[in-house]
PDB file of N, CA and C in Angstrom:
ATOM      1  N   MET A   1       0.531  -1.399  -0.037  1.00  0.00           N
ATOM      2  CA  MET A   1       0.060  -0.227   0.138  1.00  0.00           C
ATOM      3  C   MET A   1       1.013   1.792  -0.182  1.00  0.00           C
ATOM      4  N   PHE A   2       1.899   1.491   0.492  1.00  0.00           N
ATOM      5  CA  PHE A   2       2.478   2.386   0.431  1.00  0.00           C
ATOM      6  C   PHE A   2       3.645   2.026   0.248  1.00  0.00           C
ATOM      7  N   ASP A   3       4.823   3.098  -0.580  1.00  0.00           N
ATOM      8  CA  ASP A   3       6.255   3.083  -0.988  1.00  0.00           C
ATOM      9  C   ASP A   3       7.143   3.061   0.228  1.00  0.00           C
ATOM     10  N   VAL A   4       7.971   2.120   0.718  1.00  0.00           N
ATOM     11  CA  VAL A   4       8.615   2.407   1.673  1.00  0.00           C
ATOM     12  C   VAL A   4       9.668   3.771   1.870  1.00  0.00           C
ATOM     13  N   SER A   5      10.008   3.491   0.113  1.00  0.00           N
ATOM     14  CA  SER A   5      11.082   4.737  -0.296  1.00  0.00           C
ATOM     15  C   SER A   5      10.868   5.898   0.595  1.00  0.00           C
ATOM     16  N   GLU A   6       9.256   6.252   0.042  1.00  0.00           N
ATOM     17  CA  GLU A   6       8.912   7.041  -0.123  1.00  0.00           C
ATOM     18  C   GLU A   6       8.559   7.637   1.723  1.00  0.00           C
ATOM     19  N   VAL A   7       7.839   6.759   2.297  1.00  0.00           N
ATOM     20  CA  VAL A   7       7.928   6.958   3.970  1.00  0.00           C
ATOM     21  C   VAL A   7       8.842   7.362   4.372  1.00  0.00           C
ATOM     22  N   ARG A   8      10.159   6.600   3.975  1.00  0.00           N
ATOM     23  CA  ARG A   8      11.538   7.130   4.566  1.00  0.00           C
ATOM     24  C   ARG A   8      12.101   7.888   4.174  1.00  0.00           C
ATOM     25  N   GLY A   9      11.784   9.128   2.768  1.00  0.00           N
ATOM     26  CA  GLY A   9      12.021  10.144   2.660  1.00  0.00           C
ATOM     27  C   GLY A   9      11.381  11.372   3.245  1.00  0.00           C
ATOM     28  N   LEU A  10      10.350  11.243   3.204  1.00  0.00           N
ATOM     29  CA  LEU A  10       9.102  11.724   4.414  1.00  0.00           C
ATOM     30  C   LEU A  10      10.222  11.902   5.890  1.00  0.00           C
ATOM     31  N   LEU A  11      10.093  10.942   6.204  1.00  0.00           N
ATOM     32  CA  LEU A  11      11.005  10.581   7.747  1.00  0.00           C
ATOM     33  C   LEU A  11      12.459  11.561   7.883  1.00  0.00           C
ATOM     34  N   VAL A  12      12.798  11.006   6.860  1.00  0.00           N
ATOM     35  CA  VAL A  12      13.985  11.874   6.524  1.00  0.00           C
ATOM     36  C   VAL A  12      14.403  13.405   6.822  1.00  0.00           C
ATOM     37  N   ALA A  13      13.381  13.906   5.923  1.00  0.00           N
ATOM     38  CA  ALA A  13      12.897  15.586   5.598  1.00  0.00           C
ATOM     39  C   ALA A  13      12.531  16.186   7.230  1.00  0.00           C
ATOM     40  N   ALA A  14      11.483  15.038   7.736  1.00  0.00           N
ATOM     41  CA  ALA A  14      11.029  16.002   9.174  1.00  0.00           C
ATOM     42  C   ALA A  14      12.641  15.798   9.756  1.00  0.00           C
ATOM     43  N   ALA A  15      12.965  14.935  10.088  1.00  0.00           N
ATOM     44  CA  ALA A  15      14.155  14.778  10.865  1.00  0.00           C
ATOM     45  C   ALA A  15      15.169  15.694  10.697  1.00  0.00           C
ATOM     46  N   ARG A  16      15.482  16.370   9.504  1.00  0.00           N
ATOM     47  CA  ARG A  16      16.420  17.118   9.116  1.00  0.00           C
ATOM     48  C   ARG A  16      16.020  18.611   9.206  1.00  0.00           C
ATOM     49  N   GLU A  17      14.536  18.567   9.449  1.00  0.00           N
ATOM     50  CA  GLU A  17      13.419  19.983   9.832  1.00  0.00           C
ATOM     51  C   GLU A  17      13.790  20.304  11.228  1.00  0.00           C
ATOM     52  N   ARG A  18      13.937  18.873  12.311  1.00  0.00           N
ATOM     53  CA  ARG A  18      13.989  18.946  13.136  1.00  0.00           C
ATOM     54  C   ARG A  18      12.310  18.707  14.189  1.00  0.00           C
ATOM     55  N   ARG A  19      11.892  18.327  12.735  1.00  0.00           N
ATOM     56  CA  ARG A  19       9.990  18.114  13.704  1.00  0.00           C
ATOM     57  C   ARG A  19       9.334  16.572  13.503  1.00  0.00           C
ATOM     58  N   ALA A  20       8.766  16.530  14.556  1.00  0.00           N
ATOM     59  CA  ALA A  20       7.461  15.118  14.432  1.00  0.00           C
ATOM     60  C   ALA A  20       6.438  15.065  13.477  1.00  0.00           C
ATOM     61  N   VAL A  21       5.908  14.281  12.911  1.00  0.00           N
ATOM     62  CA  VAL A  21       4.811  14.514  12.372  1.00  0.00           C
ATOM     63  C   VAL A  21       3.494  13.677  12.490  1.00  0.00           C
ATOM     64  N   SER A  22       2.190  14.387  12.728  1.00  0.00           N
ATOM     65  CA  SER A  22       1.263  13.065  12.974  1.00  0.00           C
ATOM     66  C   SER A  22       0.860  12.024  12.119  1.00  0.00           C
ATOM     67  N   TYR A  23       0.246  11.180  12.835  1.00  0.00           N
ATOM     68  CA  TYR A  23      -0.184   9.998  11.497  1.00  0.00           C
ATOM     69  C   TYR A  23      -1.109  10.707  10.363  1.00  0.00           C
ATOM     70  N   SER A  24      -2.353  11.751  10.858  1.00  0.00           N
ATOM     71  CA  SER A  24      -2.700  12.310  10.008  1.00  0.00           C
ATOM     72  C   SER A  24      -1.772  12.723   8.834  1.00  0.00           C
ATOM     73  N   GLU A  25      -0.858  13.879   9.583  1.00  0.00           N
ATOM     74  CA  GLU A  25      -0.302  14.198   8.520  1.00  0.00           C
ATOM     75  C   GLU A  25       0.924  13.588   7.322  1.00  0.00           C
ATOM     76  N   MET A  26       1.472  12.323   7.904  1.00  0.00           N
ATOM     77  CA  MET A  26       1.717  11.679   6.843  1.00  0.00           C
ATOM     78  C   MET A  26       0.998  11.023   5.919  1.00  0.00           C
ATOM     79  N   LEU A  27      -0.142  10.397   6.393  1.00  0.00           N
ATOM     80  CA  LEU A  27      -1.044   9.917   5.682  1.00  0.00           C
ATOM     81  C   LEU A  27      -1.418  10.984   4.796  1.00  0.00           C
ATOM     82  N   ALA A  28      -1.716  12.146   5.109  1.00  0.00           N
ATOM     83  CA  ALA A  28      -2.323  13.053   3.939  1.00  0.00           C
ATOM     84  C   ALA A  28      -0.713  12.692   2.840  1.00  0.00           C
ATOM     85  N   CYS A  29       0.201  13.586   3.775  1.00  0.00           N
ATOM     86  CA  CYS A  29       1.573  13.220   2.841  1.00  0.00           C
ATOM     87  C   CYS A  29       1.342  11.670   1.321  1.00  0.00           C
ATOM     88  N   LEU A  30       1.055  11.299   1.888  1.00  0.00           N
ATOM     89  CA  LEU A  30       0.777  10.212   1.198  1.00  0.00           C
ATOM     90  C   LEU A  30       0.025   9.721   0.215  1.00  0.00           C
ATOM     91  N   GLY A  31      -0.961  10.538   0.397  1.00  0.00           N
ATOM     92  CA  GLY A  31      -2.527  10.759  -0.120  1.00  0.00           C
ATOM     93  C   GLY A  31      -3.581  10.272   0.003  1.00  0.00           C
ATOM     94  N   PHE A  32      -3.696  10.061   1.615  1.00  0.00           N
ATOM     95  CA  PHE A  32      -4.718   9.435   2.422  1.00  0.00           C
ATOM     96  C   PHE A  32      -5.281   9.867   3.304  1.00  0.00           C
ATOM     97  N   ARG A  33      -6.627   9.528   3.774  1.00  0.00           N
ATOM     98  CA  ARG A  33      -7.367  10.549   4.373  1.00  0.00           C
ATOM     99  C   ARG A  33      -7.110   9.286   6.034  1.00  0.00           C
ATOM    100  N   PHE A  34      -6.680   9.896   7.264  1.00  0.00           N
ATOM    101  CA  PHE A  34      -6.971   9.178   8.257  1.00  0.00           C
ATOM    102  C   PHE A  34      -7.868   8.068   8.452  1.00  0.00           C
ATOM    103  N   THR A  35      -7.397   6.803   8.436  1.00  0.00           N
ATOM    104  CA  THR A  35      -8.593   5.676   8.814  1.00  0.00           C
ATOM    105  C   THR A  35      -7.453   4.537   9.969  1.00  0.00           C
ATOM    106  N   ARG A  36      -7.893   3.872  10.460  1.00  0.00           N
ATOM    107  CA  ARG A  36      -7.549   3.061  11.661  1.00  0.00           C
ATOM    108  C   ARG A  36      -6.469   1.969  10.923  1.00  0.00           C
ATOM    109  N   PRO A  37      -7.095   1.501   9.543  1.00  0.00           N
ATOM    110  CA  PRO A  37      -6.883   0.086   8.560  1.00  0.00           C
ATOM    111  C   PRO A  37      -5.344   0.753   8.135  1.00  0.00           C
ATOM    112  N   LYS A  38      -5.556   2.395   7.857  1.00  0.00           N
ATOM    113  CA  LYS A  38      -4.205   2.743   6.807  1.00  0.00           C
ATOM    114  C   LYS A  38      -2.889   3.052   7.998  1.00  0.00           C
ATOM    115  N   MET A  39      -3.724   3.580   9.407  1.00  0.00           N
ATOM    116  CA  MET A  39      -2.661   3.782  10.043  1.00  0.00           C
ATOM    117  C   MET A  39      -1.611   2.680  10.374  1.00  0.00           C
ATOM    118  N   ARG A  40      -2.604   1.257  10.718  1.00  0.00           N
ATOM    119  CA  ARG A  40      -2.107  -0.111  10.948  1.00  0.00           C
ATOM    120  C   ARG A  40      -0.989  -0.189   9.992  1.00  0.00           C
ATOM    121  N   ALA A  41      -1.703  -0.075   8.324  1.00  0.00           N
ATOM    122  CA  ALA A  41      -0.545  -0.332   7.699  1.00  0.00           C
ATOM    123  C   ALA A  41       0.879   0.696   7.591  1.00  0.00           C
ATOM    124  N   LEU A  42       0.534   1.835   7.787  1.00  0.00           N
ATOM    125  CA  LEU A  42       1.566   2.679   7.697  1.00  0.00           C
ATOM    126  C   LEU A  42       2.903   2.088   9.021  1.00  0.00           C
ATOM    127  N   CYS A  43       2.451   1.733  10.003  1.00  0.00           N
ATOM    128  CA  CYS A  43       3.192   1.104  11.479  1.00  0.00           C
ATOM    129  C   CYS A  43       3.562   0.536  11.049  1.00  0.00           C
ATOM    130  N   ALA A  44       3.319  -0.662   9.992  1.00  0.00           N
ATOM    131  CA  ALA A  44       4.168  -1.759  10.165  1.00  0.00           C
ATOM    132  C   ALA A  44       5.101  -1.134   8.768  1.00  0.00           C
ATOM    133  N   VAL A  45       4.658  -0.325   7.852  1.00  0.00           N
ATOM    134  CA  VAL A  45       6.070  -0.049   6.813  1.00  0.00           C
ATOM    135  C   VAL A  45       7.521   0.560   8.086  1.00  0.00           C
ATOM    136  N   LEU A  46       6.747   1.441   8.801  1.00  0.00           N
ATOM    137  CA  LEU A  46       7.501   2.437   9.855  1.00  0.00           C
ATOM    138  C   LEU A  46       8.668   1.426  10.629  1.00  0.00           C
ATOM    139  N   GLY A  47       8.050  -0.097  11.456  1.00  0.00           N
ATOM    140  CA  GLY A  47       8.796  -0.858  11.631  1.00  0.00           C
ATOM    141  C   GLY A  47       9.688  -1.393  10.660  1.00  0.00           C
ATOM    142  N   ARG A  48       9.353  -1.965   9.571  1.00  0.00           N
ATOM    143  CA  ARG A  48      10.485  -2.149   8.509  1.00  0.00           C
ATOM    144  C   ARG A  48      11.772  -0.943   8.027  1.00  0.00           C
ATOM    145  N   ILE A  49      11.235   0.268   7.985  1.00  0.00           N
ATOM    146  CA  ILE A  49      11.906   0.607   7.978  1.00  0.00           C
ATOM    147  C   ILE A  49      13.011   1.682   8.418  1.00  0.00           C
ATOM    148  N   ASP A  50      13.040   1.147  10.164  1.00  0.00           N
ATOM    149  CA  ASP A  50      13.392   1.191  11.310  1.00  0.00           C
ATOM    150  C   ASP A  50      14.072  -0.465  11.707  1.00  0.00           C
ATOM    151  N   GLU A  51      13.657  -1.323  11.350  1.00  0.00           N
ATOM    152  CA  GLU A  51      14.867  -2.316  10.959  1.00  0.00           C
ATOM    153  C   GLU A  51      15.818  -2.098  10.003  1.00  0.00           C
ATOM    154  N   ALA A  52      15.798  -1.853   9.042  1.00  0.00           N
ATOM    155  CA  ALA A  52      16.491  -1.600   7.707  1.00  0.00           C
ATOM    156  C   ALA A  52      17.795  -0.398   8.765  1.00  0.00           C
ATOM    157  N   GLY A  53      16.916   0.371   8.973  1.00  0.00           N
ATOM    158  CA  GLY A  53      18.042   1.672   9.501  1.00  0.00           C
ATOM    159  C   GLY A  53      18.731   0.953  10.509  1.00  0.00           C
ATOM    160  N   ALA A  54      18.363   0.082  11.490  1.00  0.00           N
ATOM    161  CA  ALA A  54      19.538   0.116  12.528  1.00  0.00           C
ATOM    162  C   ALA A  54      20.491  -1.025  11.984  1.00  0.00           C
ATOM    163  N   ALA A  55      20.230  -1.690  10.806  1.00  0.00           N
ATOM    164  CA  ALA A  55      20.724  -2.581   9.885  1.00  0.00           C
ATOM    165  C   ALA A  55      22.266  -1.612   9.893  1.00  0.00           C
ATOM    166  N   ALA A  56      21.997  -0.821   9.138  1.00  0.00           N
ATOM    167  CA  ALA A  56      22.775   0.750   8.913  1.00  0.00           C
ATOM    168  C   ALA A  56      23.676   1.211   9.609  1.00  0.00           C
ATOM    169  N   GLY A  57      23.044   1.014  11.191  1.00  0.00           N
ATOM    170  CA  GLY A  57      23.514   2.156  12.108  1.00  0.00           C
ATOM    171  C   GLY A  57      22.710   3.686  12.200  1.00  0.00           C
ATOM    172  N   GLU A  58      21.547   3.312  11.737  1.00  0.00           N
ATOM    173  CA  GLU A  58      20.787   4.949  11.596  1.00  0.00           C
ATOM    174  C   GLU A  58      20.102   4.668  12.655  1.00  0.00           C
ATOM    175  N   PRO A  59      19.664   5.827  13.459  1.00  0.00           N
ATOM    176  CA  PRO A  59      18.274   6.037  14.600  1.00  0.00           C
ATOM    177  C   PRO A  59      17.102   6.126  14.096  1.00  0.00           C
ATOM    178  N   GLU A  60      16.107   5.199  14.789  1.00  0.00           N
ATOM    179  CA  GLU A  60      15.229   4.936  14.333  1.00  0.00           C
ATOM    180  C   GLU A  60      14.360   6.331  14.067  1.00  0.00           C
ATOM    181  N   LEU A  61      13.445   6.047  13.250  1.00  0.00           N
ATOM    182  CA  LEU A  61      12.697   7.582  12.621  1.00  0.00           C
ATOM    183  C   LEU A  61      11.159   7.369  12.832  1.00  0.00           C
ATOM    184  N   ALA A  62      10.921   5.996  13.190  1.00  0.00           N
ATOM    185  CA  ALA A  62       9.513   5.845  13.686  1.00  0.00           C
ATOM    186  C   ALA A  62       9.287   6.876  14.655  1.00  0.00           C
ATOM    187  N   VAL A  63       9.769   6.751  15.408  1.00  0.00           N
ATOM    188  CA  VAL A  63      10.005   7.757  17.266  1.00  0.00           C
ATOM    189  C   VAL A  63       8.649   8.964  16.204  1.00  0.00           C
ATOM    190  N   LEU A  64       9.244   9.963  15.281  1.00  0.00           N
ATOM    191  CA  LEU A  64       8.687  11.093  14.554  1.00  0.00           C
ATOM    192  C   LEU A  64       7.522  11.038  14.404  1.00  0.00           C
ATOM    193  N   VAL A  65       6.776   9.663  14.059  1.00  0.00           N
ATOM    194  CA  VAL A  65       5.425   9.744  13.978  1.00  0.00           C
ATOM    195  C   VAL A  65       4.612  10.278  15.130  1.00  0.00           C
ATOM    196  N   VAL A  66       3.657  10.760  15.374  1.00  0.00           N
ATOM    197  CA  VAL A  66       3.198  10.789  16.824  1.00  0.00           C
ATOM    198  C   VAL A  66       1.454  11.065  16.407  1.00  0.00           C
ATOM    199  N   ARG A  67       0.837  11.213  17.778  1.00  0.00           N
ATOM    200  CA  ARG A  67      -0.904  11.238  17.994  1.00  0.00           C
ATOM    201  C   ARG A  67      -0.606  13.103  18.127  1.00  0.00           C
ATOM    202  N   GLU A  68      -1.758  13.331  17.231  1.00  0.00           N
ATOM    203  CA  GLU A  68      -1.641  15.124  17.577  1.00  0.00           C
ATOM    204  C   GLU A  68      -2.043  15.238  18.980  1.00  0.00           C
ATOM    205  N   SER A  69      -2.626  14.485  19.406  1.00  0.00           N
ATOM    206  CA  SER A  69      -3.497  14.483  20.614  1.00  0.00           C
ATOM    207  C   SER A  69      -1.902  15.048  21.996  1.00  0.00           C
ATOM    208  N   ASP A  70      -1.046  14.160  21.955  1.00  0.00           N
ATOM    209  CA  ASP A  70      -0.106  14.670  23.004  1.00  0.00           C
ATOM    210  C   ASP A  70       1.133  14.769  22.282  1.00  0.00           C
ATOM    211  N   GLY A  71       1.370  13.974  21.207  1.00  0.00           N
ATOM    212  CA  GLY A  71       3.009  14.432  20.474  1.00  0.00           C
ATOM    213  C   GLY A  71       3.559  12.801  20.530  1.00  0.00           C
ATOM    214  N   LEU A  72       2.962  11.951  21.394  1.00  0.00           N
ATOM    215  CA  LEU A  72       4.149  10.477  21.573  1.00  0.00           C
ATOM    216  C   LEU A  72       3.285   9.625  20.540  1.00  0.00           C
ATOM    217  N   PRO A  73       4.250   8.445  20.448  1.00  0.00           N
ATOM    218  CA  PRO A  73       3.676   7.649  19.261  1.00  0.00           C
ATOM    219  C   PRO A  73       2.866   6.905  20.184  1.00  0.00           C
ATOM    220  N   GLY A  74       2.007   5.940  19.168  1.00  0.00           N
ATOM    221  CA  GLY A  74       0.867   5.664  19.214  1.00  0.00           C
ATOM    222  C   GLY A  74       1.244   3.887  20.192  1.00  0.00           C
ATOM    223  N   GLN A  75       0.167   3.205  20.525  1.00  0.00           N
ATOM    224  CA  GLN A  75       0.740   2.107  21.142  1.00  0.00           C
ATOM    225  C   GLN A  75       1.129   1.353  20.554  1.00  0.00           C
ATOM    226  N   GLY A  76       1.295   1.066  18.851  1.00  0.00           N
ATOM    227  CA  GLY A  76       2.189  -0.196  18.461  1.00  0.00           C
ATOM    228  C   GLY A  76       3.626  -0.014  18.724  1.00  0.00           C
ATOM    229  N   TRP A  77       3.805   1.471  18.580  1.00  0.00           N
ATOM    230  CA  TRP A  77       5.303   1.683  18.370  1.00  0.00           C
ATOM    231  C   TRP A  77       5.614   1.389  20.550  1.00  0.00           C
ATOM    232  N   TRP A  78       4.833   1.877  21.249  1.00  0.00           N
ATOM    233  CA  TRP A  78       5.225   1.398  22.940  1.00  0.00           C
ATOM    234  C   TRP A  78       5.905   0.033  22.234  1.00  0.00           C
ATOM    235  N   VAL A  79       4.781  -0.784  22.105  1.00  0.00           N
ATOM    236  CA  VAL A  79       5.084  -2.411  22.327  1.00  0.00           C
ATOM    237  C   VAL A  79       6.171  -2.468  21.820  1.00  0.00           C
ATOM    238  N   ALA A  80       6.107  -2.207  20.813  1.00  0.00           N
ATOM    239  CA  ALA A  80       7.465  -2.739  19.626  1.00  0.00           C
ATOM    240  C   ALA A  80       8.739  -2.192  20.304  1.00  0.00           C
ATOM    241  N   ARG A  81       8.493  -1.099  20.932  1.00  0.00           N
ATOM    242  CA  ARG A  81       9.961  -0.323  21.319  1.00  0.00           C
ATOM    243  C   ARG A  81      10.065  -0.693  22.854  1.00  0.00           C
ATOM    244  N   ALA A  82       9.177  -0.450  24.096  1.00  0.00           N
ATOM    245  CA  ALA A  82       9.489   0.047  25.339  1.00  0.00           C
ATOM    246  C   ALA A  82      10.772  -1.115  25.943  1.00  0.00           C
ATOM    247  N   ASP A  83       9.856  -2.521  25.558  1.00  0.00           N
ATOM    248  CA  ASP A  83      11.345  -3.649  26.381  1.00  0.00           C
ATOM    249  C   ASP A  83      11.946  -3.524  25.758  1.00  0.00           C
ATOM    250  N   PRO A  84      12.630  -3.187  24.677  1.00  0.00           N
ATOM    251  CA  PRO A  84      14.194  -3.264  23.817  1.00  0.00           C
ATOM    252  C   PRO A  84      14.986  -1.759  24.569  1.00  0.00           C
ATOM    253  N   LEU A  85      13.460  -1.053  24.650  1.00  0.00           N
ATOM    254  CA  LEU A  85      15.031   0.668  25.480  1.00  0.00           C
ATOM    255  C   LEU A  85      14.694   0.257  27.022  1.00  0.00           C
ATOM    256  N   GLY A  86      14.405  -0.350  27.311  1.00  0.00           N
ATOM    257  CA  GLY A  86      14.045  -0.314  28.688  1.00  0.00           C
ATOM    258  C   GLY A  86      13.082   0.009  29.663  1.00  0.00           C
ATOM    259  N   HIS A  87      11.737   0.538  28.723  1.00  0.00           N
ATOM    260  CA  HIS A  87      11.354   2.034  29.273  1.00  0.00           C
ATOM    261  C   HIS A  87       9.938   1.261  30.055  1.00  0.00           C
ATOM    262  N   GLU A  88       9.551   0.474  31.551  1.00  0.00           N
ATOM    263  CA  GLU A  88       8.722   0.122  31.839  1.00  0.00           C
ATOM    264  C   GLU A  88       7.555   1.005  32.515  1.00  0.00           C
ATOM    265  N   GLY A  89       7.415   1.914  32.144  1.00  0.00           N
ATOM    266  CA  GLY A  89       6.579   2.853  32.763  1.00  0.00           C
ATOM    267  C   GLY A  89       5.429   3.082  31.949  1.00  0.00           C
ATOM    268  N   ASP A  90       4.436   3.826  31.625  1.00  0.00           N
ATOM    269  CA  ASP A  90       3.432   4.129  31.168  1.00  0.00           C
ATOM    270  C   ASP A  90       3.989   4.640  29.859  1.00  0.00           C
ATOM    271  N   TRP A  91       2.979   4.811  29.302  1.00  0.00           N
ATOM    272  CA  TRP A  91       2.933   5.278  27.764  1.00  0.00           C
ATOM    273  C   TRP A  91       2.656   6.779  27.194  1.00  0.00           C
ATOM    274  N   THR A  92       2.767   7.132  28.487  1.00  0.00           N
ATOM    275  CA  THR A  92       2.219   8.804  28.690  1.00  0.00           C
ATOM    276  C   THR A  92       2.954   9.270  29.218  1.00  0.00           C
ATOM    277  N   GLY A  93       2.828  10.341  29.916  1.00  0.00           N
ATOM    278  CA  GLY A  93       3.602  11.127  31.040  1.00  0.00           C
ATOM    279  C   GLY A  93       5.235  11.384  31.043  1.00  0.00           C
ATOM    280  N   PRO A  94       5.562  12.243  32.120  1.00  0.00           N
ATOM    281  CA  PRO A  94       7.338  12.798  32.125  1.00  0.00           C
ATOM    282  C   PRO A  94       8.095  11.816  31.556  1.00  0.00           C
ATOM    283  N   ALA A  95       8.368  10.395  31.967  1.00  0.00           N
ATOM    284  CA  ALA A  95       9.177   9.393  31.303  1.00  0.00           C
ATOM    285  C   ALA A  95       8.924   9.163  29.917  1.00  0.00           C
ATOM    286  N   ALA A  96       7.748   9.053  29.476  1.00  0.00           N
ATOM    287  CA  ALA A  96       7.390   8.757  28.015  1.00  0.00           C
ATOM    288  C   ALA A  96       7.757   9.918  27.127  1.00  0.00           C
ATOM    289  N   ARG A  97       7.829  11.204  27.776  1.00  0.00           N
ATOM    290  CA  ARG A  97       8.265  12.731  26.864  1.00  0.00           C
ATOM    291  C   ARG A  97       9.406  12.373  27.159  1.00  0.00           C
ATOM    292  N   ALA A  98      10.459  12.320  27.842  1.00  0.00           N
ATOM    293  CA  ALA A  98      11.566  12.242  27.922  1.00  0.00           C
ATOM    294  C   ALA A  98      12.064  11.661  26.998  1.00  0.00           C
ATOM    295  N   LEU A  99      11.530   9.908  26.663  1.00  0.00           N
ATOM    296  CA  LEU A  99      12.446   8.667  26.045  1.00  0.00           C
ATOM    297  C   LEU A  99      12.034   9.263  24.588  1.00  0.00           C
ATOM    298  N   VAL A 100      11.086   9.685  24.236  1.00  0.00           N
ATOM    299  CA  VAL A 100      10.407  10.051  22.929  1.00  0.00           C
ATOM    300  C   VAL A 100      11.540  11.169  22.847  1.00  0.00           C
ATOM    301  N   ARG A 101      11.485  12.039  23.096  1.00  0.00           N
ATOM    302  CA  ARG A 101      12.620  13.217  23.233  1.00  0.00           C
ATOM    303  C   ARG A 101      13.759  13.011  22.754  1.00  0.00           C
ATOM    304  N   GLU A 102      13.858  12.071  23.240  1.00  0.00           N
ATOM    305  CA  GLU A 102      15.593  11.476  23.473  1.00  0.00           C
ATOM    306  C   GLU A 102      16.054  10.701  21.865  1.00  0.00           C
ATOM    307  N   LEU A 103      15.057  10.519  21.926  1.00  0.00           N
ATOM    308  CA  LEU A 103      15.008   9.430  20.642  1.00  0.00           C
ATOM    309  C   LEU A 103      14.885  10.326  19.354  1.00  0.00           C
ATOM    310  N   GLN A 104      13.769  11.357  19.516  1.00  0.00           N
ATOM    311  CA  GLN A 104      13.469  11.874  18.517  1.00  0.00           C
ATOM    312  C   GLN A 104      14.867  12.888  18.012  1.00  0.00           C
ATOM    313  N   GLY A 105      15.469  13.715  19.571  1.00  0.00           N
ATOM    314  CA  GLY A 105      17.086  14.349  19.417  1.00  0.00           C
ATOM    315  C   GLY A 105      17.979  13.561  18.525  1.00  0.00           C
ATOM    316  N   GLN A 106      18.180  11.707  19.082  1.00  0.00           N
ATOM    317  CA  GLN A 106      19.385  10.990  18.448  1.00  0.00           C
ATOM    318  C   GLN A 106      18.849  11.487  16.659  1.00  0.00           C
ATOM    319  N   ALA A 107      17.333  11.070  16.208  1.00  0.00           N
ATOM    320  CA  ALA A 107      17.640  11.389  14.695  1.00  0.00           C
ATOM    321  C   ALA A 107      17.454  12.635  14.540  1.00  0.00           C
ATOM    322  N   PHE A 108      17.037  13.771  14.980  1.00  0.00           N
ATOM    323  CA  PHE A 108      17.543  15.034  14.350  1.00  0.00           C
ATOM    324  C   PHE A 108      19.191  15.405  14.177  1.00  0.00           C
ATOM    325  N   ASP A 109      19.580  14.924  14.926  1.00  0.00           N
ATOM    326  CA  ASP A 109      21.187  15.186  15.056  1.00  0.00           C
ATOM    327  C   ASP A 109      21.693  14.427  13.884  1.00  0.00           C
ATOM    328  N   TYR A 110      21.447  13.389  13.969  1.00  0.00           N
ATOM    329  CA  TYR A 110      22.257  12.119  13.071  1.00  0.00           C
ATOM    330  C   TYR A 110      21.954  12.567  11.224  1.00  0.00           C
ATOM    331  N   TRP A 111      20.208  13.037  10.801  1.00  0.00           N
ATOM    332  CA  TRP A 111      20.311  13.638  10.143  1.00  0.00           C
ATOM    333  C   TRP A 111      20.328  14.964   9.095  1.00  0.00           C
ATOM    334  N   GLU A 112      20.675  15.802  10.643  1.00  0.00           N
ATOM    335  CA  GLU A 112      21.240  16.891  10.409  1.00  0.00           C
ATOM    336  C   GLU A 112      22.553  16.884   9.904  1.00  0.00           C
ATOM    337  N   GLU A 113      23.517  15.738  10.544  1.00  0.00           N
ATOM    338  CA  GLU A 113      25.112  15.580  10.585  1.00  0.00           C
ATOM    339  C   GLU A 113      24.857  14.641   9.144  1.00  0.00           C
ATOM    340  N   HIS A 114      24.104  14.209   8.426  1.00  0.00           N
ATOM    341  CA  HIS A 114      24.199  12.785   7.904  1.00  0.00           C
ATOM    342  C   HIS A 114      23.181  13.390   6.136  1.00  0.00           C
ATOM    343  N   GLY A 115      23.348  14.888   6.185  1.00  0.00           N
ATOM    344  CA  GLY A 115      22.038  16.014   5.605  1.00  0.00           C
ATOM    345  C   GLY A 115      22.976  15.673   4.286  1.00  0.00           C
TER     346      GLY A 115
END
């Protein structure tokens, strides 16, 4: 449904601009309205992008895609990433925000340097 290289390109562009994007914004950039099935399909692509990026030594990019309501990644991201990152707390609140800011900062810095 989504072209992986197109999604990756949008994420890299956002990282270079040092900004997160909402799920709705990302889907709109890809020519779709927000629906739960489309969001789930997008999340699967984000996972593939991050797997390939990790193999290449790049920081993750999926952390840049966030909910409009609170600026944090959705449940799927937390389910996949909380344990490997050692995050044991809630998926909202100060600790979650600090973790997301740190990971987003890594992506921002990396893509600023590798622009």
